[in-house]
């Protein structure tokens, strides 16, 4: 599975658990930029978005990436 396919599937599931406003605020312009040895690197448009996703949504993102 490509990085793009993986992220698209994960985001689809994440979106079902968030309000439209929260999803539209925090997840545009994010992507999986690397998959190596079971580790996934998510790219964000800014350090602020990175920090927000880590603090507020990391468990949700991990849950859906694992499935």
N, C-alpha and C. Protein backbone atom coordinates (compact mmCIF):
# COMPACT_ATOMS: atom_id res chain seq x y z
N UNK A 1 0.84 -1.17 0.00
CA UNK A 1 0.00 0.00 0.00
C UNK A 1 0.89 1.24 0.00
N UNK A 2 0.55 2.19 -0.83
CA UNK A 2 1.34 3.42 -0.90
C UNK A 2 1.06 4.31 0.31
N UNK A 3 1.93 5.27 0.52
CA UNK A 3 1.73 6.24 1.60
C UNK A 3 0.41 6.97 1.43
N UNK A 4 0.12 7.38 0.21
CA UNK A 4 -1.11 8.11 -0.08
C UNK A 4 -2.35 7.26 0.21
N UNK A 5 -2.32 6.02 -0.20
CA UNK A 5 -3.46 5.12 0.05
C UNK A 5 -3.66 4.89 1.55
N UNK A 6 -2.58 4.67 2.26
CA UNK A 6 -2.65 4.45 3.70
C UNK A 6 -3.26 5.65 4.40
N UNK A 7 -2.78 6.83 4.08
CA UNK A 7 -3.26 8.04 4.74
C UNK A 7 -4.72 8.32 4.38
N UNK A 8 -5.08 8.08 3.14
CA UNK A 8 -6.46 8.30 2.71
C UNK A 8 -7.42 7.41 3.50
N UNK A 9 -7.06 6.15 3.67
CA UNK A 9 -7.90 5.23 4.45
C UNK A 9 -7.98 5.65 5.92
N UNK A 10 -6.84 6.00 6.49
CA UNK A 10 -6.82 6.42 7.89
C UNK A 10 -7.64 7.70 8.09
N UNK A 11 -7.48 8.65 7.20
CA UNK A 11 -8.23 9.90 7.33
C UNK A 11 -9.73 9.69 7.19
N UNK A 12 -10.10 8.79 6.33
CA UNK A 12 -11.53 8.49 6.18
C UNK A 12 -12.12 8.06 7.51
N UNK A 13 -11.42 7.19 8.22
CA UNK A 13 -11.89 6.71 9.52
C UNK A 13 -11.79 7.79 10.60
N UNK A 14 -10.73 8.56 10.59
CA UNK A 14 -10.58 9.66 11.55
C UNK A 14 -11.73 10.65 11.39
N UNK A 15 -12.05 10.95 10.16
CA UNK A 15 -13.10 11.94 9.88
C UNK A 15 -14.44 11.54 10.47
N UNK A 16 -14.71 10.25 10.55
CA UNK A 16 -16.00 9.79 11.10
C UNK A 16 -16.11 10.05 12.60
N UNK A 17 -14.98 10.28 13.27
CA UNK A 17 -14.99 10.48 14.72
C UNK A 17 -14.83 11.94 15.15
N UNK A 18 -14.68 12.83 14.20
CA UNK A 18 -14.50 14.25 14.51
C UNK A 18 -15.60 15.09 13.88
N UNK A 19 -15.79 16.27 14.42
CA UNK A 19 -16.70 17.21 13.76
C UNK A 19 -16.07 17.63 12.44
N UNK A 20 -16.91 18.06 11.54
CA UNK A 20 -16.39 18.52 10.24
C UNK A 20 -15.41 19.68 10.45
N UNK A 21 -15.74 20.59 11.36
CA UNK A 21 -14.89 21.76 11.59
C UNK A 21 -13.51 21.35 12.10
N UNK A 22 -13.45 20.43 13.06
CA UNK A 22 -12.14 20.00 13.57
C UNK A 22 -11.34 19.28 12.50
N UNK A 23 -11.99 18.42 11.75
CA UNK A 23 -11.27 17.71 10.69
C UNK A 23 -10.75 18.69 9.66
N UNK A 24 -11.59 19.62 9.23
CA UNK A 24 -11.20 20.59 8.20
C UNK A 24 -10.12 21.55 8.69
N UNK A 25 -10.04 21.76 9.99
CA UNK A 25 -9.04 22.67 10.54
C UNK A 25 -7.67 22.02 10.63
N UNK A 26 -7.61 20.76 11.08
CA UNK A 26 -6.33 20.16 11.44
C UNK A 26 -5.75 19.17 10.45
N UNK A 27 -6.53 18.61 9.56
CA UNK A 27 -6.01 17.53 8.72
C UNK A 27 -5.71 17.86 7.27
N UNK A 28 -6.19 18.97 6.72
CA UNK A 28 -5.77 19.29 5.35
C UNK A 28 -4.26 19.49 5.28
N UNK A 29 -3.70 19.17 4.18
CA UNK A 29 -2.27 19.32 3.91
C UNK A 29 -1.40 18.44 4.81
N UNK A 30 -1.98 17.37 5.35
CA UNK A 30 -1.18 16.37 6.05
C UNK A 30 -1.01 15.18 5.13
N UNK A 31 0.02 14.40 5.37
CA UNK A 31 0.27 13.23 4.53
C UNK A 31 1.23 12.29 5.24
N UNK A 32 1.23 11.05 4.80
CA UNK A 32 2.25 10.12 5.25
C UNK A 32 3.44 10.35 4.33
N UNK A 33 4.58 10.68 4.91
CA UNK A 33 5.75 10.94 4.07
C UNK A 33 6.76 9.80 4.09
N UNK A 34 6.58 8.87 5.06
CA UNK A 34 7.51 7.74 5.11
C UNK A 34 6.92 6.60 5.92
N UNK A 35 7.16 5.38 5.44
CA UNK A 35 6.81 4.15 6.15
C UNK A 35 8.06 3.28 6.16
N UNK A 36 8.59 2.99 7.34
CA UNK A 36 9.78 2.15 7.43
C UNK A 36 9.71 1.32 8.70
N UNK A 37 9.87 0.02 8.57
CA UNK A 37 9.93 -0.88 9.72
C UNK A 37 8.79 -0.66 10.71
N UNK A 38 7.58 -0.50 10.18
CA UNK A 38 6.42 -0.32 11.04
C UNK A 38 6.25 1.07 11.62
N UNK A 39 7.13 1.98 11.24
CA UNK A 39 7.04 3.37 11.71
C UNK A 39 6.51 4.23 10.57
N UNK A 40 5.61 5.13 10.93
CA UNK A 40 4.99 6.01 9.94
C UNK A 40 5.27 7.44 10.33
N UNK A 41 5.73 8.24 9.38
CA UNK A 41 5.99 9.65 9.60
C UNK A 41 4.90 10.44 8.88
N UNK A 42 4.22 11.28 9.65
CA UNK A 42 3.16 12.11 9.09
C UNK A 42 3.70 13.52 8.91
N UNK A 43 3.55 14.04 7.72
CA UNK A 43 3.97 15.40 7.43
C UNK A 43 2.82 16.36 7.68
N UNK A 44 3.16 17.54 8.22
CA UNK A 44 2.16 18.58 8.49
C UNK A 44 2.61 19.89 7.87
N UNK A 45 1.68 20.82 7.67
CA UNK A 45 2.06 22.08 7.04
C UNK A 45 2.80 23.04 7.95
N UNK A 46 2.78 22.79 9.27
CA UNK A 46 3.50 23.69 10.19
C UNK A 46 3.81 22.96 11.50
N UNK A 47 4.72 23.54 12.26
CA UNK A 47 5.06 22.99 13.57
C UNK A 47 3.87 23.08 14.52
N UNK A 48 3.07 24.11 14.38
CA UNK A 48 1.89 24.27 15.23
C UNK A 48 0.90 23.13 14.99
N UNK A 49 0.63 22.81 13.73
CA UNK A 49 -0.28 21.71 13.41
C UNK A 49 0.30 20.40 13.91
N UNK A 50 1.59 20.20 13.75
CA UNK A 50 2.25 19.00 14.25
C UNK A 50 2.02 18.83 15.74
N UNK A 51 2.26 19.89 16.49
CA UNK A 51 2.10 19.84 17.94
C UNK A 51 0.64 19.57 18.33
N UNK A 52 -0.28 20.23 17.64
CA UNK A 52 -1.70 20.05 17.94
C UNK A 52 -2.13 18.60 17.67
N UNK A 53 -1.72 18.06 16.54
CA UNK A 53 -2.08 16.68 16.22
C UNK A 53 -1.48 15.71 17.22
N UNK A 54 -0.23 15.94 17.61
CA UNK A 54 0.42 15.08 18.60
C UNK A 54 -0.32 15.11 19.94
N UNK A 55 -0.70 16.31 20.37
CA UNK A 55 -1.32 16.47 21.68
C UNK A 55 -2.78 16.06 21.72
N UNK A 56 -3.51 16.30 20.67
CA UNK A 56 -4.96 16.08 20.69
C UNK A 56 -5.43 14.82 19.96
N UNK A 57 -4.72 14.44 18.91
CA UNK A 57 -5.26 13.38 18.05
C UNK A 57 -4.32 12.20 17.81
N UNK A 58 -3.20 12.14 18.51
CA UNK A 58 -2.24 11.07 18.21
C UNK A 58 -2.83 9.68 18.46
N UNK A 59 -3.58 9.50 19.54
CA UNK A 59 -4.16 8.18 19.80
C UNK A 59 -5.18 7.79 18.74
N UNK A 60 -5.98 8.76 18.33
CA UNK A 60 -6.97 8.50 17.28
C UNK A 60 -6.29 8.16 15.96
N UNK A 61 -5.27 8.91 15.60
CA UNK A 61 -4.54 8.65 14.36
C UNK A 61 -3.88 7.27 14.42
N UNK A 62 -3.22 6.96 15.52
CA UNK A 62 -2.57 5.65 15.66
C UNK A 62 -3.57 4.51 15.56
N UNK A 63 -4.72 4.69 16.19
CA UNK A 63 -5.76 3.65 16.15
C UNK A 63 -6.13 3.32 14.71
N UNK A 64 -6.33 4.36 13.91
CA UNK A 64 -6.78 4.13 12.54
C UNK A 64 -5.65 3.72 11.60
N UNK A 65 -4.44 4.12 11.89
CA UNK A 65 -3.32 3.65 11.08
C UNK A 65 -3.07 2.16 11.33
N UNK A 66 -3.28 1.72 12.55
CA UNK A 66 -3.07 0.31 12.87
C UNK A 66 -4.11 -0.60 12.24
N UNK A 67 -5.32 -0.08 12.06
CA UNK A 67 -6.36 -0.91 11.46
C UNK A 67 -6.23 -0.88 9.96
